[in-house]
Amino acid sequence: MFENSNGSVKEAMPNTEVVAKGSFEGRDVRALDIAKRQTGYNFHPPANYFPLIIHEALMIEPTETENKDALDRFADALIKIAEKDKTCPELLREAPHITPFGRMDEVKSARVGVAFLVAGGLRQPVISVQ
């Protein structure tokens, strides 16, 4: 639970849990790294960097149809990700590993533009507005 001057995040978003990367403190890990690594455990990555008042936050919003077993598997995956990062940090930073495309080059995409995957292949990049 995180609190700000207006009350807690839980009160503002009652069906949401916000997770900070406390298990990764002191290591060069971003919320994006954790979100990308979750695909290796067959979980859709959560929203990251939201809410903006919490640095490196992950917003986890399980639907009402998720049962306790599914939530336990998700929690176990987060624990495994944190433990594995201690012994094999490159695994986390190079995620995702099971998707057809790896992680995009954030610097290049900011400079050049973004390519879109459409039926039939990649479309030409759209030039970023500077």
N, C-alpha and C. Protein backbone atom coordinates (compact mmCIF):
# COMPACT_ATOMS: atom_id res chain seq x y z
N MET A 1 0.85 -1.18 0.00
CA MET A 1 0.00 0.00 0.00
C MET A 1 0.90 1.24 0.00
N PHE A 2 0.63 2.13 -0.89
CA PHE A 2 1.36 3.37 -0.98
C PHE A 2 0.40 4.50 -0.68
N GLU A 3 0.88 5.49 0.03
CA GLU A 3 0.01 6.60 0.37
C GLU A 3 0.60 7.90 -0.13
N ASN A 4 -0.28 8.81 -0.48
CA ASN A 4 0.14 10.15 -0.84
C ASN A 4 -0.65 11.13 0.01
N SER A 5 -0.52 12.40 -0.25
CA SER A 5 -1.20 13.40 0.59
C SER A 5 -2.71 13.34 0.48
N ASN A 6 -3.24 12.74 -0.58
CA ASN A 6 -4.69 12.64 -0.77
C ASN A 6 -5.27 11.33 -0.25
N GLY A 7 -4.46 10.51 0.37
CA GLY A 7 -4.92 9.19 0.80
C GLY A 7 -4.17 8.11 0.06
N SER A 8 -4.64 6.92 0.16
CA SER A 8 -3.90 5.81 -0.43
C SER A 8 -4.29 5.56 -1.87
N VAL A 9 -3.39 4.94 -2.60
CA VAL A 9 -3.67 4.53 -3.97
C VAL A 9 -4.82 3.54 -3.97
N LYS A 10 -4.88 2.67 -2.98
CA LYS A 10 -5.92 1.65 -2.89
C LYS A 10 -7.30 2.30 -2.86
N GLU A 11 -7.43 3.43 -2.17
CA GLU A 11 -8.73 4.10 -2.12
C GLU A 11 -9.09 4.68 -3.48
N ALA A 12 -8.10 5.16 -4.22
CA ALA A 12 -8.36 5.75 -5.53
C ALA A 12 -8.68 4.70 -6.58
N MET A 13 -8.06 3.52 -6.46
CA MET A 13 -8.26 2.43 -7.42
C MET A 13 -8.52 1.14 -6.63
N PRO A 14 -9.75 0.91 -6.17
CA PRO A 14 -10.04 -0.17 -5.24
C PRO A 14 -9.79 -1.59 -5.75
N ASN A 15 -9.82 -1.84 -7.06
CA ASN A 15 -9.62 -3.20 -7.58
C ASN A 15 -8.23 -3.40 -8.14
N THR A 16 -7.30 -2.60 -7.70
CA THR A 16 -5.96 -2.61 -8.28
C THR A 16 -4.92 -2.75 -7.18
N GLU A 17 -3.87 -3.47 -7.50
CA GLU A 17 -2.72 -3.52 -6.62
C GLU A 17 -1.56 -2.87 -7.35
N VAL A 18 -0.81 -2.05 -6.64
CA VAL A 18 0.36 -1.41 -7.22
C VAL A 18 1.58 -2.01 -6.55
N VAL A 19 2.51 -2.48 -7.37
CA VAL A 19 3.69 -3.15 -6.85
C VAL A 19 4.91 -2.32 -7.22
N ALA A 20 5.70 -1.99 -6.23
CA ALA A 20 6.98 -1.33 -6.51
C ALA A 20 8.03 -2.42 -6.57
N LYS A 21 9.16 -2.11 -7.12
CA LYS A 21 10.17 -3.13 -7.32
C LYS A 21 11.10 -3.26 -6.12
N GLY A 22 10.55 -3.36 -4.92
CA GLY A 22 11.33 -3.44 -3.71
C GLY A 22 12.30 -4.62 -3.66
N SER A 23 11.93 -5.76 -4.23
CA SER A 23 12.81 -6.93 -4.23
C SER A 23 14.03 -6.73 -5.11
N PHE A 24 14.01 -5.70 -5.92
CA PHE A 24 15.10 -5.45 -6.86
C PHE A 24 15.93 -4.24 -6.46
N GLU A 25 15.70 -3.71 -5.26
CA GLU A 25 16.41 -2.51 -4.84
C GLU A 25 17.92 -2.75 -4.87
N GLY A 26 18.63 -1.74 -5.31
CA GLY A 26 20.08 -1.83 -5.39
C GLY A 26 20.58 -2.49 -6.67
N ARG A 27 19.66 -2.93 -7.51
CA ARG A 27 20.03 -3.54 -8.79
C ARG A 27 19.48 -2.68 -9.92
N ASP A 28 20.09 -2.78 -11.08
CA ASP A 28 19.68 -1.97 -12.23
C ASP A 28 18.51 -2.65 -12.94
N VAL A 29 17.33 -2.59 -12.33
CA VAL A 29 16.14 -3.23 -12.88
C VAL A 29 15.05 -2.17 -13.03
N ARG A 30 14.39 -2.19 -14.18
CA ARG A 30 13.29 -1.27 -14.42
C ARG A 30 11.98 -2.05 -14.40
N ALA A 31 10.90 -1.33 -14.19
CA ALA A 31 9.57 -1.96 -14.22
C ALA A 31 9.34 -2.62 -15.57
N LEU A 32 9.84 -2.01 -16.62
CA LEU A 32 9.69 -2.57 -17.96
C LEU A 32 10.36 -3.95 -18.06
N ASP A 33 11.52 -4.12 -17.41
CA ASP A 33 12.21 -5.42 -17.42
C ASP A 33 11.33 -6.50 -16.79
N ILE A 34 10.73 -6.17 -15.67
CA ILE A 34 9.88 -7.14 -14.97
C ILE A 34 8.65 -7.47 -15.81
N ALA A 35 8.03 -6.45 -16.38
CA ALA A 35 6.84 -6.67 -17.21
C ALA A 35 7.17 -7.54 -18.41
N LYS A 36 8.29 -7.27 -19.08
CA LYS A 36 8.67 -8.07 -20.25
C LYS A 36 8.98 -9.51 -19.86
N ARG A 37 9.58 -9.72 -18.71
CA ARG A 37 9.94 -11.07 -18.28
C ARG A 37 8.71 -11.91 -17.95
N GLN A 38 7.62 -11.29 -17.56
CA GLN A 38 6.41 -12.03 -17.22
C GLN A 38 5.85 -12.81 -18.39
N THR A 39 6.16 -12.40 -19.61
CA THR A 39 5.68 -13.15 -20.77
C THR A 39 6.28 -14.55 -20.80
N GLY A 40 7.47 -14.71 -20.24
CA GLY A 40 8.11 -16.03 -20.17
C GLY A 40 7.38 -16.98 -19.24
N TYR A 41 6.53 -16.46 -18.41
CA TYR A 41 5.71 -17.27 -17.50
C TYR A 41 4.26 -17.31 -17.97
N ASN A 42 4.04 -16.91 -19.21
CA ASN A 42 2.70 -16.92 -19.83
C ASN A 42 1.71 -15.98 -19.16
N PHE A 43 2.20 -14.85 -18.69
CA PHE A 43 1.32 -13.82 -18.14
C PHE A 43 1.44 -12.58 -19.01
N HIS A 44 0.30 -11.95 -19.26
CA HIS A 44 0.32 -10.68 -19.98
C HIS A 44 0.95 -9.64 -19.07
N PRO A 45 1.89 -8.86 -19.57
CA PRO A 45 2.55 -7.89 -18.69
C PRO A 45 1.58 -6.82 -18.21
N PRO A 46 1.75 -6.39 -16.96
CA PRO A 46 0.87 -5.35 -16.43
C PRO A 46 1.25 -3.98 -16.96
N ALA A 47 0.41 -3.00 -16.66
CA ALA A 47 0.75 -1.61 -16.99
C ALA A 47 1.95 -1.23 -16.14
N ASN A 48 2.93 -0.62 -16.77
CA ASN A 48 4.07 -0.18 -15.98
C ASN A 48 4.18 1.33 -16.00
N TYR A 49 4.88 1.84 -15.00
CA TYR A 49 5.06 3.27 -14.80
C TYR A 49 3.73 3.99 -14.53
N PHE A 50 2.77 3.28 -13.96
CA PHE A 50 1.51 3.89 -13.58
C PHE A 50 1.08 3.30 -12.25
N PRO A 51 0.64 4.07 -11.30
CA PRO A 51 0.42 5.50 -11.34
C PRO A 51 1.74 6.27 -11.32
N LEU A 52 1.71 7.43 -11.90
CA LEU A 52 2.93 8.22 -12.07
C LEU A 52 3.54 8.69 -10.76
N ILE A 53 2.77 8.67 -9.68
CA ILE A 53 3.30 9.13 -8.40
C ILE A 53 4.23 8.11 -7.76
N ILE A 54 4.30 6.90 -8.31
CA ILE A 54 5.15 5.85 -7.77
C ILE A 54 6.21 5.52 -8.81
N HIS A 55 7.47 5.70 -8.43
CA HIS A 55 8.59 5.45 -9.34
C HIS A 55 8.68 3.96 -9.65
N GLU A 56 8.79 3.62 -10.94
CA GLU A 56 8.96 2.23 -11.41
C GLU A 56 7.84 1.30 -10.92
N ALA A 57 6.61 1.76 -11.00
CA ALA A 57 5.46 0.97 -10.53
C ALA A 57 4.96 0.00 -11.59
N LEU A 58 4.36 -1.08 -11.12
CA LEU A 58 3.63 -2.02 -11.96
C LEU A 58 2.20 -2.04 -11.43
N MET A 59 1.23 -1.80 -12.28
CA MET A 59 -0.16 -1.82 -11.84
C MET A 59 -0.78 -3.16 -12.25
N ILE A 60 -1.14 -3.94 -11.26
CA ILE A 60 -1.67 -5.28 -11.49
C ILE A 60 -3.16 -5.25 -11.23
N GLU A 61 -3.94 -5.59 -12.26
CA GLU A 61 -5.39 -5.53 -12.17
C GLU A 61 -6.01 -6.87 -12.56
N PRO A 62 -5.99 -7.84 -11.65
CA PRO A 62 -6.63 -9.12 -12.01
C PRO A 62 -8.14 -8.93 -12.15
N THR A 63 -8.71 -9.63 -13.11
CA THR A 63 -10.15 -9.55 -13.29
C THR A 63 -10.86 -10.35 -12.21
N GLU A 64 -12.14 -10.11 -12.07
CA GLU A 64 -12.92 -10.82 -11.06
C GLU A 64 -13.01 -12.31 -11.35
N THR A 65 -12.74 -12.71 -12.58
CA THR A 65 -12.85 -14.13 -12.94
C THR A 65 -11.59 -14.93 -12.61
N GLU A 66 -10.51 -14.25 -12.22
CA GLU A 66 -9.28 -14.97 -11.86
C GLU A 66 -9.47 -15.64 -10.50
N ASN A 67 -9.13 -16.93 -10.44
CA ASN A 67 -9.26 -17.63 -9.16
C ASN A 67 -7.96 -17.53 -8.36
N LYS A 68 -8.00 -18.04 -7.14
CA LYS A 68 -6.84 -17.94 -6.25
C LYS A 68 -5.63 -18.67 -6.82
N ASP A 69 -5.84 -19.80 -7.47
CA ASP A 69 -4.72 -20.53 -8.06
C ASP A 69 -3.99 -19.69 -9.11
N ALA A 70 -4.75 -19.00 -9.95
CA ALA A 70 -4.13 -18.14 -10.97
C ALA A 70 -3.35 -17.00 -10.33
N LEU A 71 -3.91 -16.42 -9.27
CA LEU A 71 -3.21 -15.33 -8.58
C LEU A 71 -1.96 -15.85 -7.89
N ASP A 72 -2.03 -17.06 -7.32
CA ASP A 72 -0.86 -17.67 -6.70
C ASP A 72 0.23 -17.95 -7.72
N ARG A 73 -0.15 -18.42 -8.92
CA ARG A 73 0.84 -18.67 -9.98
C ARG A 73 1.50 -17.36 -10.40
N PHE A 74 0.72 -16.30 -10.46
CA PHE A 74 1.27 -14.99 -10.82
C PHE A 74 2.26 -14.52 -9.75
N ALA A 75 1.88 -14.64 -8.49
CA ALA A 75 2.77 -14.24 -7.40
C ALA A 75 4.04 -15.08 -7.41
N ASP A 76 3.91 -16.38 -7.65
CA ASP A 76 5.09 -17.25 -7.73
C ASP A 76 6.00 -16.84 -8.87
N ALA A 77 5.41 -16.45 -9.99
CA ALA A 77 6.22 -16.00 -11.14
C ALA A 77 7.01 -14.75 -10.77
N LEU A 78 6.39 -13.81 -10.07
CA LEU A 78 7.10 -12.60 -9.65
C LEU A 78 8.25 -12.94 -8.71
N ILE A 79 8.01 -13.88 -7.80
CA ILE A 79 9.06 -14.30 -6.87
C ILE A 79 10.21 -14.96 -7.63
N LYS A 80 9.88 -15.83 -8.58
CA LYS A 80 10.92 -16.49 -9.38
C LYS A 80 11.72 -15.48 -10.20
N ILE A 81 11.05 -14.49 -10.74
CA ILE A 81 11.74 -13.45 -11.51
C ILE A 81 12.74 -12.72 -10.62
N ALA A 82 12.32 -12.36 -9.41
CA ALA A 82 13.21 -11.66 -8.48
C ALA A 82 14.38 -12.53 -8.07
N GLU A 83 14.12 -13.81 -7.79
CA GLU A 83 15.20 -14.72 -7.37
C GLU A 83 16.18 -14.98 -8.51
N LYS A 84 15.67 -15.19 -9.71
CA LYS A 84 16.53 -15.48 -10.86
C LYS A 84 17.41 -14.29 -11.21
N ASP A 85 16.91 -13.09 -10.99
CA ASP A 85 17.69 -11.89 -11.30
C ASP A 85 18.96 -11.82 -10.46
N LYS A 86 18.93 -12.41 -9.28
CA LYS A 86 20.12 -12.38 -8.41
C LYS A 86 21.27 -13.18 -9.02
N THR A 87 20.95 -14.28 -9.71
CA THR A 87 21.99 -15.15 -10.26
C THR A 87 22.21 -14.97 -11.75
N CYS A 88 21.21 -14.48 -12.46
CA CYS A 88 21.30 -14.36 -13.92
C CYS A 88 20.61 -13.07 -14.38
N PRO A 89 21.19 -11.90 -14.05
CA PRO A 89 20.51 -10.64 -14.33
C PRO A 89 20.26 -10.38 -15.81
N GLU A 90 21.09 -10.91 -16.69
CA GLU A 90 20.89 -10.66 -18.12
C GLU A 90 19.59 -11.28 -18.63
N LEU A 91 19.12 -12.33 -17.97
CA LEU A 91 17.86 -12.96 -18.37
C LEU A 91 16.70 -11.97 -18.26
N LEU A 92 16.71 -11.17 -17.22
CA LEU A 92 15.66 -10.18 -17.01
C LEU A 92 15.81 -9.00 -17.97
N ARG A 93 17.03 -8.53 -18.14
CA ARG A 93 17.24 -7.35 -18.98
C ARG A 93 17.07 -7.60 -20.47
N GLU A 94 17.15 -8.87 -20.88
CA GLU A 94 17.02 -9.21 -22.30
C GLU A 94 15.63 -9.75 -22.64
N ALA A 95 14.73 -9.79 -21.68
CA ALA A 95 13.38 -10.31 -21.90
C ALA A 95 12.63 -9.39 -22.85
N PRO A 96 11.71 -9.88 -23.61
CA PRO A 96 11.10 -11.21 -23.61
C PRO A 96 11.90 -12.21 -24.44
N HIS A 97 11.73 -13.49 -24.11
CA HIS A 97 12.47 -14.55 -24.79
C HIS A 97 11.59 -15.44 -25.65
N ILE A 98 10.28 -15.43 -25.45
CA ILE A 98 9.40 -16.36 -26.17
C ILE A 98 8.53 -15.69 -27.23
N THR A 99 8.75 -14.42 -27.45
CA THR A 99 7.94 -13.70 -28.43
C THR A 99 8.64 -13.68 -29.79
N PRO A 100 7.89 -13.50 -30.88
CA PRO A 100 8.51 -13.48 -32.21
C PRO A 100 9.51 -12.33 -32.38
N PHE A 101 9.29 -11.23 -31.67
CA PHE A 101 10.19 -10.08 -31.73
C PHE A 101 10.74 -9.84 -30.34
N GLY A 102 12.01 -9.48 -30.27
CA GLY A 102 12.62 -9.15 -28.99
C GLY A 102 12.25 -7.74 -28.57
N ARG A 103 12.99 -7.23 -27.64
CA ARG A 103 12.74 -5.88 -27.14
C ARG A 103 13.20 -4.86 -28.18
N MET A 104 12.40 -3.83 -28.35
CA MET A 104 12.78 -2.81 -29.33
C MET A 104 13.90 -1.95 -28.78
N ASP A 105 14.65 -1.37 -29.66
CA ASP A 105 15.70 -0.43 -29.30
C ASP A 105 15.03 0.90 -29.01
N GLU A 106 14.92 1.23 -27.73
CA GLU A 106 14.17 2.43 -27.33
C GLU A 106 14.80 3.71 -27.85
N VAL A 107 16.13 3.77 -27.86
CA VAL A 107 16.81 4.97 -28.34
C VAL A 107 16.58 5.14 -29.84
N LYS A 108 16.74 4.05 -30.58
CA LYS A 108 16.55 4.11 -32.03
C LYS A 108 15.10 4.46 -32.38
N SER A 109 14.15 3.86 -31.68
CA SER A 109 12.75 4.16 -31.99
C SER A 109 12.40 5.60 -31.67
N ALA A 110 13.04 6.17 -30.67
CA ALA A 110 12.80 7.58 -30.35
C ALA A 110 13.36 8.49 -31.43
N ARG A 111 14.48 8.07 -32.04
CA ARG A 111 15.11 8.89 -33.07
C ARG A 111 14.49 8.69 -34.45
N VAL A 112 14.23 7.44 -34.81
CA VAL A 112 13.83 7.10 -36.17
C VAL A 112 12.32 7.01 -36.32
N GLY A 113 11.67 6.37 -35.42
CA GLY A 113 10.23 6.17 -35.52
C GLY A 113 9.85 4.78 -35.08
N VAL A 114 8.64 4.42 -35.35
CA VAL A 114 8.10 3.16 -34.89
C VAL A 114 7.60 2.37 -36.09
N ALA A 115 7.88 1.07 -36.10
CA ALA A 115 7.35 0.20 -37.15
C ALA A 115 6.13 -0.52 -36.60
N PHE A 116 5.16 -0.79 -37.43
CA PHE A 116 3.95 -1.45 -37.01
C PHE A 116 3.84 -2.80 -37.69
N LEU A 117 3.46 -3.82 -36.95
CA LEU A 117 3.23 -5.13 -37.51
C LEU A 117 1.77 -5.18 -37.98
N VAL A 118 1.60 -5.41 -39.26
CA VAL A 118 0.26 -5.50 -39.84
C VAL A 118 0.17 -6.79 -40.63
N ALA A 119 -1.02 -7.18 -41.02
CA ALA A 119 -1.18 -8.39 -41.83
C ALA A 119 -0.29 -8.28 -43.06
N GLY A 120 0.54 -9.27 -43.27
CA GLY A 120 1.43 -9.24 -44.43
C GLY A 120 2.84 -8.76 -44.11
N GLY A 121 3.12 -8.36 -42.87
CA GLY A 121 4.48 -7.98 -42.52
C GLY A 121 4.58 -6.62 -41.87
N LEU A 122 5.80 -6.11 -41.80
CA LEU A 122 6.05 -4.81 -41.17
C LEU A 122 5.76 -3.69 -42.15
N ARG A 123 5.13 -2.65 -41.64
CA ARG A 123 4.88 -1.46 -42.43
C ARG A 123 6.06 -0.51 -42.25
N GLN A 124 6.28 0.38 -43.19
CA GLN A 124 7.37 1.34 -43.08
C GLN A 124 7.27 2.11 -41.77
N PRO A 125 8.42 2.45 -41.18
CA PRO A 125 8.39 3.22 -39.93
C PRO A 125 7.73 4.58 -40.12
N VAL A 126 7.08 5.01 -39.09
CA VAL A 126 6.50 6.35 -39.06
C VAL A 126 7.53 7.24 -38.39
N ILE A 127 7.91 8.30 -39.03
CA ILE A 127 8.94 9.17 -38.49
C ILE A 127 8.40 9.92 -37.27
N SER A 128 9.19 9.92 -36.20
CA SER A 128 8.80 10.61 -34.98
C SER A 128 8.81 12.11 -35.19
N VAL A 129 7.92 12.78 -34.52
CA VAL A 129 7.90 14.24 -34.53
C VAL A 129 8.86 14.70 -33.45
N GLN A 130 9.80 15.52 -33.82
CA GLN A 130 10.81 15.99 -32.86
C GLN A 130 10.34 17.23 -32.15
